[in-house]
Amino acid sequence: MSGRFPSQMLGQTPVGEALNGMPILVIHGLYDSVLPVEQGRAARRYLEALPVELTYCEYPMAHEVSAESLRDVAAWLSKALDAKCGSSGE
């Protein structure tokens, strides 16, 4: 949520197989003046090259948590947890 990857990390190639299918959510505010949206977009570009299940969303907000983004995070987390519990046979 409105984060960034350190520039040194963006230049590294992670072990892709260990990340295979990992659900990842990246959310960023379009008007974020603390961590500009381009940092979220850079994270998206980096993650798109990996075998992860990436969900990327931008919202018309600053460096904050809006009701809309929080609702979407809760829905994404619920879906990810349901998938995890369902795949383990519990």
N, C-alpha and C. Protein backbone atom coordinates (compact mmCIF):
# COMPACT_ATOMS: atom_id res chain seq x y z
N MET A 1 0.84 -1.17 0.00
CA MET A 1 0.00 0.00 0.00
C MET A 1 0.89 1.23 0.00
N SER A 2 0.92 1.91 -1.15
CA SER A 2 1.72 3.13 -1.33
C SER A 2 3.15 2.93 -0.89
N GLY A 3 3.75 1.84 -1.34
CA GLY A 3 5.13 1.54 -0.98
C GLY A 3 6.06 1.67 -2.17
N ARG A 4 7.23 1.13 -2.02
CA ARG A 4 8.22 1.15 -3.09
C ARG A 4 9.22 0.02 -2.87
N PHE A 5 9.93 -0.31 -3.93
CA PHE A 5 11.06 -1.22 -3.83
C PHE A 5 12.32 -0.36 -3.82
N PRO A 6 13.29 -0.67 -2.96
CA PRO A 6 14.56 0.05 -3.03
C PRO A 6 15.19 -0.14 -4.41
N SER A 7 15.82 0.90 -4.92
CA SER A 7 16.36 0.84 -6.28
C SER A 7 17.33 -0.31 -6.47
N GLN A 8 18.11 -0.66 -5.45
CA GLN A 8 19.05 -1.78 -5.59
C GLN A 8 18.32 -3.11 -5.78
N MET A 9 17.13 -3.22 -5.24
CA MET A 9 16.35 -4.45 -5.39
C MET A 9 15.81 -4.58 -6.82
N LEU A 10 15.44 -3.45 -7.43
CA LEU A 10 14.89 -3.48 -8.79
C LEU A 10 15.90 -4.00 -9.80
N GLY A 11 17.19 -3.92 -9.49
CA GLY A 11 18.21 -4.41 -10.39
C GLY A 11 18.54 -5.88 -10.21
N GLN A 12 17.96 -6.53 -9.22
CA GLN A 12 18.26 -7.93 -8.93
C GLN A 12 17.24 -8.85 -9.60
N THR A 13 17.68 -10.06 -9.87
CA THR A 13 16.78 -11.08 -10.39
C THR A 13 16.49 -12.06 -9.26
N PRO A 14 15.25 -12.06 -8.76
CA PRO A 14 14.92 -12.98 -7.66
C PRO A 14 14.77 -14.41 -8.16
N VAL A 15 14.76 -15.33 -7.22
CA VAL A 15 14.54 -16.73 -7.54
C VAL A 15 13.07 -16.89 -7.88
N GLY A 16 12.76 -17.01 -9.16
CA GLY A 16 11.38 -17.04 -9.62
C GLY A 16 10.59 -18.24 -9.15
N GLU A 17 11.18 -19.41 -9.11
CA GLU A 17 10.45 -20.62 -8.77
C GLU A 17 9.89 -20.56 -7.35
N ALA A 18 10.61 -19.94 -6.44
CA ALA A 18 10.15 -19.83 -5.06
C ALA A 18 8.93 -18.93 -4.96
N LEU A 19 8.74 -18.07 -5.96
CA LEU A 19 7.62 -17.13 -5.95
C LEU A 19 6.44 -17.60 -6.80
N ASN A 20 6.56 -18.75 -7.40
CA ASN A 20 5.55 -19.24 -8.34
C ASN A 20 4.14 -19.23 -7.75
N GLY A 21 3.28 -18.40 -8.33
CA GLY A 21 1.89 -18.35 -7.91
C GLY A 21 1.61 -17.55 -6.66
N MET A 22 2.63 -16.92 -6.07
CA MET A 22 2.42 -16.15 -4.84
C MET A 22 1.50 -14.96 -5.13
N PRO A 23 0.43 -14.81 -4.35
CA PRO A 23 -0.44 -13.65 -4.56
C PRO A 23 0.20 -12.39 -3.97
N ILE A 24 0.24 -11.34 -4.78
CA ILE A 24 0.82 -10.07 -4.34
C ILE A 24 -0.13 -8.95 -4.74
N LEU A 25 -0.39 -8.06 -3.80
CA LEU A 25 -1.23 -6.90 -4.04
C LEU A 25 -0.41 -5.63 -3.88
N VAL A 26 -0.47 -4.77 -4.89
CA VAL A 26 0.20 -3.48 -4.83
C VAL A 26 -0.87 -2.42 -5.07
N ILE A 27 -0.97 -1.48 -4.13
CA ILE A 27 -1.95 -0.40 -4.20
C ILE A 27 -1.21 0.92 -4.06
N HIS A 28 -1.60 1.91 -4.88
CA HIS A 28 -0.93 3.20 -4.79
C HIS A 28 -1.90 4.32 -5.12
N GLY A 29 -1.68 5.46 -4.47
CA GLY A 29 -2.48 6.65 -4.73
C GLY A 29 -1.91 7.44 -5.89
N LEU A 30 -2.78 7.87 -6.77
CA LEU A 30 -2.35 8.66 -7.93
C LEU A 30 -1.74 10.00 -7.52
N TYR A 31 -2.17 10.54 -6.40
CA TYR A 31 -1.74 11.88 -5.97
C TYR A 31 -0.80 11.82 -4.76
N ASP A 32 -0.11 10.71 -4.60
CA ASP A 32 0.80 10.51 -3.47
C ASP A 32 2.03 11.40 -3.65
N SER A 33 2.23 12.34 -2.74
CA SER A 33 3.40 13.22 -2.81
C SER A 33 4.54 12.70 -1.93
N VAL A 34 4.27 11.72 -1.07
CA VAL A 34 5.30 11.13 -0.21
C VAL A 34 6.10 10.09 -1.01
N LEU A 35 5.40 9.16 -1.63
CA LEU A 35 6.00 8.16 -2.52
C LEU A 35 5.20 8.23 -3.82
N PRO A 36 5.70 8.96 -4.81
CA PRO A 36 4.95 9.17 -6.05
C PRO A 36 4.51 7.86 -6.71
N VAL A 37 3.40 7.93 -7.43
CA VAL A 37 2.81 6.75 -8.05
C VAL A 37 3.79 6.03 -8.97
N GLU A 38 4.75 6.74 -9.51
CA GLU A 38 5.74 6.08 -10.39
C GLU A 38 6.50 5.00 -9.63
N GLN A 39 6.65 5.14 -8.32
CA GLN A 39 7.33 4.10 -7.55
C GLN A 39 6.48 2.83 -7.48
N GLY A 40 5.19 3.00 -7.35
CA GLY A 40 4.29 1.85 -7.40
C GLY A 40 4.30 1.20 -8.78
N ARG A 41 4.35 2.02 -9.80
CA ARG A 41 4.39 1.50 -11.18
C ARG A 41 5.70 0.76 -11.45
N ALA A 42 6.79 1.24 -10.87
CA ALA A 42 8.07 0.54 -11.01
C ALA A 42 8.00 -0.83 -10.33
N ALA A 43 7.37 -0.88 -9.17
CA ALA A 43 7.19 -2.16 -8.48
C ALA A 43 6.34 -3.10 -9.34
N ARG A 44 5.28 -2.54 -9.96
CA ARG A 44 4.43 -3.35 -10.84
C ARG A 44 5.24 -3.93 -11.99
N ARG A 45 6.04 -3.11 -12.66
CA ARG A 45 6.85 -3.59 -13.79
C ARG A 45 7.79 -4.71 -13.34
N TYR A 46 8.41 -4.54 -12.19
CA TYR A 46 9.33 -5.54 -11.66
C TYR A 46 8.59 -6.85 -11.38
N LEU A 47 7.43 -6.76 -10.73
CA LEU A 47 6.68 -7.96 -10.35
C LEU A 47 6.03 -8.65 -11.54
N GLU A 48 5.69 -7.89 -12.58
CA GLU A 48 5.07 -8.49 -13.77
C GLU A 48 6.00 -9.48 -14.47
N ALA A 49 7.29 -9.34 -14.26
CA ALA A 49 8.26 -10.25 -14.88
C ALA A 49 8.43 -11.54 -14.07
N LEU A 50 7.77 -11.63 -12.93
CA LEU A 50 7.91 -12.79 -12.06
C LEU A 50 6.67 -13.68 -12.15
N PRO A 51 6.80 -14.93 -11.77
CA PRO A 51 5.66 -15.86 -11.85
C PRO A 51 4.72 -15.74 -10.65
N VAL A 52 4.33 -14.51 -10.33
CA VAL A 52 3.44 -14.26 -9.19
C VAL A 52 2.04 -13.92 -9.70
N GLU A 53 1.08 -13.98 -8.82
CA GLU A 53 -0.28 -13.54 -9.14
C GLU A 53 -0.41 -12.11 -8.66
N LEU A 54 -0.09 -11.18 -9.54
CA LEU A 54 -0.05 -9.76 -9.18
C LEU A 54 -1.39 -9.09 -9.41
N THR A 55 -1.82 -8.34 -8.41
CA THR A 55 -2.95 -7.45 -8.54
C THR A 55 -2.41 -6.05 -8.25
N TYR A 56 -2.58 -5.15 -9.22
CA TYR A 56 -2.09 -3.78 -9.07
C TYR A 56 -3.26 -2.82 -9.23
N CYS A 57 -3.41 -1.90 -8.28
CA CYS A 57 -4.51 -0.94 -8.33
C CYS A 57 -4.01 0.46 -7.99
N GLU A 58 -4.53 1.45 -8.71
CA GLU A 58 -4.28 2.84 -8.40
C GLU A 58 -5.61 3.49 -8.03
N TYR A 59 -5.54 4.42 -7.08
CA TYR A 59 -6.75 5.08 -6.59
C TYR A 59 -6.57 6.60 -6.61
N PRO A 60 -7.64 7.34 -6.78
CA PRO A 60 -7.55 8.80 -6.75
C PRO A 60 -7.42 9.30 -5.31
N MET A 61 -6.24 9.11 -4.75
CA MET A 61 -5.97 9.49 -3.36
C MET A 61 -4.51 9.88 -3.23
N ALA A 62 -4.16 10.47 -2.10
CA ALA A 62 -2.77 10.82 -1.80
C ALA A 62 -2.11 9.64 -1.08
N HIS A 63 -1.20 9.93 -0.17
CA HIS A 63 -0.51 8.90 0.63
C HIS A 63 -1.41 8.58 1.82
N GLU A 64 -2.41 7.77 1.57
CA GLU A 64 -3.44 7.50 2.56
C GLU A 64 -4.12 6.17 2.25
N VAL A 65 -5.06 5.81 3.08
CA VAL A 65 -5.89 4.64 2.84
C VAL A 65 -7.32 5.15 2.68
N SER A 66 -7.86 4.99 1.50
CA SER A 66 -9.24 5.42 1.26
C SER A 66 -10.19 4.27 1.60
N ALA A 67 -11.45 4.59 1.75
CA ALA A 67 -12.45 3.55 2.01
C ALA A 67 -12.47 2.55 0.86
N GLU A 68 -12.37 3.04 -0.36
CA GLU A 68 -12.38 2.16 -1.54
C GLU A 68 -11.17 1.23 -1.55
N SER A 69 -9.99 1.77 -1.28
CA SER A 69 -8.79 0.92 -1.29
C SER A 69 -8.83 -0.09 -0.15
N LEU A 70 -9.31 0.32 1.02
CA LEU A 70 -9.41 -0.61 2.14
C LEU A 70 -10.40 -1.73 1.85
N ARG A 71 -11.50 -1.40 1.23
CA ARG A 71 -12.49 -2.42 0.85
C ARG A 71 -11.85 -3.42 -0.13
N ASP A 72 -11.10 -2.91 -1.09
CA ASP A 72 -10.47 -3.79 -2.07
C ASP A 72 -9.38 -4.66 -1.44
N VAL A 73 -8.63 -4.11 -0.50
CA VAL A 73 -7.61 -4.89 0.21
C VAL A 73 -8.27 -6.02 0.99
N ALA A 74 -9.35 -5.70 1.69
CA ALA A 74 -10.06 -6.72 2.48
C ALA A 74 -10.59 -7.83 1.58
N ALA A 75 -11.15 -7.47 0.43
CA ALA A 75 -11.67 -8.47 -0.51
C ALA A 75 -10.53 -9.32 -1.06
N TRP A 76 -9.42 -8.70 -1.43
CA TRP A 76 -8.27 -9.42 -1.97
C TRP A 76 -7.70 -10.37 -0.92
N LEU A 77 -7.57 -9.89 0.31
CA LEU A 77 -7.02 -10.71 1.38
C LEU A 77 -7.94 -11.89 1.68
N SER A 78 -9.22 -11.65 1.71
CA SER A 78 -10.18 -12.73 1.95
C SER A 78 -10.08 -13.80 0.86
N LYS A 79 -9.99 -13.36 -0.39
CA LYS A 79 -9.87 -14.30 -1.50
C LYS A 79 -8.56 -15.10 -1.40
N ALA A 80 -7.46 -14.41 -1.08
CA ALA A 80 -6.16 -15.10 -0.96
C ALA A 80 -6.18 -16.10 0.18
N LEU A 81 -6.77 -15.73 1.30
CA LEU A 81 -6.84 -16.67 2.43
C LEU A 81 -7.76 -17.84 2.14
N ASP A 82 -8.87 -17.59 1.47
CA ASP A 82 -9.77 -18.69 1.08
C ASP A 82 -9.05 -19.66 0.16
N ALA A 83 -8.28 -19.14 -0.79
CA ALA A 83 -7.54 -20.00 -1.72
C ALA A 83 -6.49 -20.81 -0.98
N LYS A 84 -5.82 -20.19 -0.04
CA LYS A 84 -4.77 -20.87 0.74
C LYS A 84 -5.38 -21.99 1.60
N CYS A 85 -6.47 -21.69 2.26
CA CYS A 85 -7.12 -22.69 3.12
C CYS A 85 -7.73 -23.80 2.27
N GLY A 86 -8.30 -23.45 1.15
CA GLY A 86 -8.90 -24.44 0.27
C GLY A 86 -7.88 -25.37 -0.35
N SER A 87 -6.67 -24.87 -0.61
CA SER A 87 -5.65 -25.72 -1.23
C SER A 87 -4.97 -26.64 -0.24
N SER A 88 -5.10 -26.33 1.06
CA SER A 88 -4.44 -27.19 2.06
C SER A 88 -5.35 -28.28 2.57
N GLY A 89 -6.61 -28.29 2.10
CA GLY A 89 -7.53 -29.34 2.48
C GLY A 89 -8.18 -29.14 3.81
N GLU A 90 -8.04 -27.95 4.38
CA GLU A 90 -8.65 -27.68 5.70
C GLU A 90 -10.09 -27.30 5.55
